[in-house]
Amino acid sequence: METRTEDQQSPQRKKGGRPVQRVKKSHTLVVRLTETERLLIKGKAREAGMKTSEWFRLAARKAAVVARLKPEEAVLLRMLSGLANNLNQLARLAHREGLLSIQGKCRQALNEINQLLQQLSKDDRKGDNR
């Protein structure tokens, strides 16, 4: 007497359960957020019709991060700060001795400040594909 059916005897038995994912998400990243930030992200995910984690992953892939300042720009800002200090000292001197005696020094300081501001305002980052 045979108790097995033909389906059980066939070598290509269908396996039950959830299908295997090609790419497994095996790592967890914990991010601390304020309540406002959490609600903002949750709201944006809801607007997009996505789960919060799905929206967060997509945002991380698509986000373009631009450095605040390049090292050269930081040097220029320090120089600008020093020139601002010099200009402040010149203003004090002008109050003490009169404006005409330090007019040339003031013009020189202003020219240096203008040059530094022009260098800082150059927007050469457009060519960096950012």
C-alpha atoms as a PDB file:
ATOM      1  CA  MET A   1       0.000   0.000   0.000  1.00  0.00           C
ATOM      2  CA  GLU A   2       1.465   3.325  -1.050  1.00  0.00           C
ATOM      3  CA  THR A   3       0.830   6.340   1.198  1.00  0.00           C
ATOM      4  CA  ARG A   4       2.831   8.930  -0.716  1.00  0.00           C
ATOM      5  CA  THR A   5       1.295  11.034  -3.426  1.00  0.00           C
ATOM      6  CA  GLU A   6       3.025  12.032  -6.633  1.00  0.00           C
ATOM      7  CA  ASP A   7       3.657  15.591  -5.361  1.00  0.00           C
ATOM      8  CA  GLN A   8       5.657  14.322  -2.439  1.00  0.00           C
ATOM      9  CA  GLN A   9       7.765  12.064  -4.643  1.00  0.00           C
ATOM     10  CA  SER A  10       8.767  14.753  -7.161  1.00  0.00           C
ATOM     11  CA  PRO A  11      12.267  16.205  -6.659  1.00  0.00           C
ATOM     12  CA  GLN A  12      11.074  19.799  -7.283  1.00  0.00           C
ATOM     13  CA  ARG A  13       9.076  20.350  -4.182  1.00  0.00           C
ATOM     14  CA  LYS A  14       7.816  23.882  -3.630  1.00  0.00           C
ATOM     15  CA  LYS A  15       9.316  25.492  -0.594  1.00  0.00           C
ATOM     16  CA  GLY A  16       6.997  27.557   1.536  1.00  0.00           C
ATOM     17  CA  GLY A  17       7.700  30.766   3.416  1.00  0.00           C
ATOM     18  CA  ARG A  18       8.985  34.164   2.550  1.00  0.00           C
ATOM     19  CA  PRO A  19      11.096  34.498  -0.610  1.00  0.00           C
ATOM     20  CA  VAL A  20      14.811  35.097  -0.146  1.00  0.00           C
ATOM     21  CA  GLN A  21      15.843  38.742  -0.665  1.00  0.00           C
ATOM     22  CA  ARG A  22      18.687  39.440  -3.066  1.00  0.00           C
ATOM     23  CA  VAL A  23      20.086  42.253  -0.907  1.00  0.00           C
ATOM     24  CA  LYS A  24      19.778  41.801   2.821  1.00  0.00           C
ATOM     25  CA  LYS A  25      19.603  44.789   5.132  1.00  0.00           C
ATOM     26  CA  SER A  26      21.681  43.361   7.934  1.00  0.00           C
ATOM     27  CA  HIS A  27      23.100  46.534   9.495  1.00  0.00           C
ATOM     28  CA  THR A  28      21.362  48.935  11.838  1.00  0.00           C
ATOM     29  CA  LEU A  29      22.148  52.612  12.248  1.00  0.00           C
ATOM     30  CA  VAL A  30      20.884  54.371  15.335  1.00  0.00           C
ATOM     31  CA  VAL A  31      20.260  58.089  14.930  1.00  0.00           C
ATOM     32  CA  ARG A  32      19.232  60.365  17.777  1.00  0.00           C
ATOM     33  CA  LEU A  33      16.652  62.964  16.837  1.00  0.00           C
ATOM     34  CA  THR A  34      14.727  65.643  18.614  1.00  0.00           C
ATOM     35  CA  GLU A  35      10.972  65.236  18.678  1.00  0.00           C
ATOM     36  CA  THR A  36      10.661  67.990  16.064  1.00  0.00           C
ATOM     37  CA  GLU A  37      13.142  66.286  13.718  1.00  0.00           C
ATOM     38  CA  ARG A  38      11.377  62.932  14.142  1.00  0.00           C
ATOM     39  CA  LEU A  39       7.995  64.442  13.335  1.00  0.00           C
ATOM     40  CA  LEU A  40       9.437  66.296  10.336  1.00  0.00           C
ATOM     41  CA  ILE A  41      10.944  63.109   8.875  1.00  0.00           C
ATOM     42  CA  LYS A  42       7.827  61.088   9.627  1.00  0.00           C
ATOM     43  CA  GLY A  43       5.649  63.742   7.938  1.00  0.00           C
ATOM     44  CA  LYS A  44       7.847  63.838   4.831  1.00  0.00           C
ATOM     45  CA  ALA A  45       7.772  60.048   4.605  1.00  0.00           C
ATOM     46  CA  ARG A  46       3.987  60.052   4.912  1.00  0.00           C
ATOM     47  CA  GLU A  47       3.714  62.697   2.155  1.00  0.00           C
ATOM     48  CA  ALA A  48       5.882  60.521  -0.095  1.00  0.00           C
ATOM     49  CA  GLY A  49       3.788  57.449   0.736  1.00  0.00           C
ATOM     50  CA  MET A  50       6.778  55.604   2.167  1.00  0.00           C
ATOM     51  CA  LYS A  51       7.816  54.053   5.438  1.00  0.00           C
ATOM     52  CA  THR A  52      10.061  56.255   7.551  1.00  0.00           C
ATOM     53  CA  SER A  53      13.064  53.928   7.227  1.00  0.00           C
ATOM     54  CA  GLU A  54      12.591  53.669   3.460  1.00  0.00           C
ATOM     55  CA  TRP A  55      12.401  57.474   3.135  1.00  0.00           C
ATOM     56  CA  PHE A  56      15.498  57.872   5.316  1.00  0.00           C
ATOM     57  CA  ARG A  57      17.518  55.445   3.159  1.00  0.00           C
ATOM     58  CA  LEU A  58      16.457  57.208  -0.033  1.00  0.00           C
ATOM     59  CA  ALA A  59      17.249  60.625   1.440  1.00  0.00           C
ATOM     60  CA  ALA A  60      20.705  59.394   2.488  1.00  0.00           C
ATOM     61  CA  ARG A  61      21.423  58.143  -1.044  1.00  0.00           C
ATOM     62  CA  LYS A  62      20.210  61.303  -2.790  1.00  0.00           C
ATOM     63  CA  ALA A  63      21.559  63.905  -0.377  1.00  0.00           C
ATOM     64  CA  ALA A  64      24.364  66.148  -1.599  1.00  0.00           C
ATOM     65  CA  VAL A  65      26.697  67.192   1.179  1.00  0.00           C
ATOM     66  CA  VAL A  66      28.739  70.329   0.570  1.00  0.00           C
ATOM     67  CA  ALA A  67      31.579  71.197   2.890  1.00  0.00           C
ATOM     68  CA  ARG A  68      31.116  74.500   4.640  1.00  0.00           C
ATOM     69  CA  LEU A  69      34.590  75.800   3.942  1.00  0.00           C
ATOM     70  CA  LYS A  70      37.611  74.521   2.150  1.00  0.00           C
ATOM     71  CA  PRO A  71      40.894  74.822   4.086  1.00  0.00           C
ATOM     72  CA  GLU A  72      41.970  77.725   1.838  1.00  0.00           C
ATOM     73  CA  GLU A  73      38.726  79.546   2.608  1.00  0.00           C
ATOM     74  CA  ALA A  74      39.251  79.048   6.341  1.00  0.00           C
ATOM     75  CA  VAL A  75      42.682  80.687   5.997  1.00  0.00           C
ATOM     76  CA  LEU A  76      41.085  83.622   4.149  1.00  0.00           C
ATOM     77  CA  LEU A  77      38.494  84.027   6.902  1.00  0.00           C
ATOM     78  CA  ARG A  78      41.214  84.143   9.555  1.00  0.00           C
ATOM     79  CA  MET A  79      43.013  86.808   7.513  1.00  0.00           C
ATOM     80  CA  LEU A  80      39.746  88.717   7.201  1.00  0.00           C
ATOM     81  CA  SER A  81      39.303  88.554  10.952  1.00  0.00           C
ATOM     82  CA  GLY A  82      42.801  89.978  11.442  1.00  0.00           C
ATOM     83  CA  LEU A  83      42.065  92.783   8.992  1.00  0.00           C
ATOM     84  CA  ALA A  84      38.836  93.582  10.814  1.00  0.00           C
ATOM     85  CA  ASN A  85      40.877  93.902  14.002  1.00  0.00           C
ATOM     86  CA  ASN A  86      43.321  96.245  12.224  1.00  0.00           C
ATOM     87  CA  LEU A  87      40.429  98.325  10.910  1.00  0.00           C
ATOM     88  CA  ASN A  88      39.036  98.628  14.431  1.00  0.00           C
ATOM     89  CA  GLN A  89      42.415  99.861  15.679  1.00  0.00           C
ATOM     90  CA  LEU A  90      42.552 102.365  12.813  1.00  0.00           C
ATOM     91  CA  ALA A  91      39.113 103.664  13.756  1.00  0.00           C
ATOM     92  CA  ARG A  92      40.298 104.236  17.335  1.00  0.00           C
ATOM     93  CA  LEU A  93      43.371 106.017  16.062  1.00  0.00           C
ATOM     94  CA  ALA A  94      41.204 108.171  13.782  1.00  0.00           C
ATOM     95  CA  HIS A  95      39.136 109.303  16.744  1.00  0.00           C
ATOM     96  CA  ARG A  96      42.257 110.221  18.657  1.00  0.00           C
ATOM     97  CA  GLU A  97      44.342 111.896  15.970  1.00  0.00           C
ATOM     98  CA  GLY A  98      41.876 112.853  13.259  1.00  0.00           C
ATOM     99  CA  LEU A  99      40.775 111.135  10.087  1.00  0.00           C
ATOM    100  CA  LEU A 100      43.140 112.717   7.573  1.00  0.00           C
ATOM    101  CA  SER A 101      46.249 111.388   9.300  1.00  0.00           C
ATOM    102  CA  ILE A 102      45.276 107.738   8.750  1.00  0.00           C
ATOM    103  CA  GLN A 103      43.241 107.952   5.544  1.00  0.00           C
ATOM    104  CA  GLY A 104      45.845 105.995   3.519  1.00  0.00           C
ATOM    105  CA  LYS A 105      46.012 103.190   6.073  1.00  0.00           C
ATOM    106  CA  CYS A 106      42.215 102.880   6.065  1.00  0.00           C
ATOM    107  CA  ARG A 107      42.073 102.681   2.272  1.00  0.00           C
ATOM    108  CA  GLN A 108      44.776  99.997   2.266  1.00  0.00           C
ATOM    109  CA  ALA A 109      42.910  97.919   4.867  1.00  0.00           C
ATOM    110  CA  LEU A 110      39.637  98.282   2.956  1.00  0.00           C
ATOM    111  CA  ASN A 111      41.299  97.188  -0.302  1.00  0.00           C
ATOM    112  CA  GLU A 112      42.703  94.072   1.394  1.00  0.00           C
ATOM    113  CA  ILE A 113      39.286  93.276   2.870  1.00  0.00           C
ATOM    114  CA  ASN A 114      37.631  93.653  -0.534  1.00  0.00           C
ATOM    115  CA  GLN A 115      40.168  91.331  -2.144  1.00  0.00           C
ATOM    116  CA  LEU A 116      39.586  88.679   0.510  1.00  0.00           C
ATOM    117  CA  LEU A 117      35.807  88.956   0.199  1.00  0.00           C
ATOM    118  CA  GLN A 118      36.058  88.556  -3.587  1.00  0.00           C
ATOM    119  CA  GLN A 119      38.150  85.414  -3.155  1.00  0.00           C
ATOM    120  CA  LEU A 120      35.658  83.993  -0.657  1.00  0.00           C
ATOM    121  CA  SER A 121      32.654  84.780  -2.830  1.00  0.00           C
ATOM    122  CA  LYS A 122      34.025  82.933  -5.861  1.00  0.00           C
ATOM    123  CA  ASP A 123      31.692  80.037  -6.493  1.00  0.00           C
ATOM    124  CA  ASP A 124      33.978  77.509  -8.096  1.00  0.00           C
ATOM    125  CA  ARG A 125      32.141  74.632  -6.432  1.00  0.00           C
ATOM    126  CA  LYS A 126      29.747  74.349  -9.374  1.00  0.00           C
ATOM    127  CA  GLY A 127      32.370  72.417 -11.290  1.00  0.00           C
ATOM    128  CA  ASP A 128      32.855  69.902  -8.447  1.00  0.00           C
ATOM    129  CA  ASN A 129      29.644  67.996  -9.356  1.00  0.00           C
ATOM    130  CA  ARG A 130      28.107  68.707  -5.976  1.00  0.00           C
END
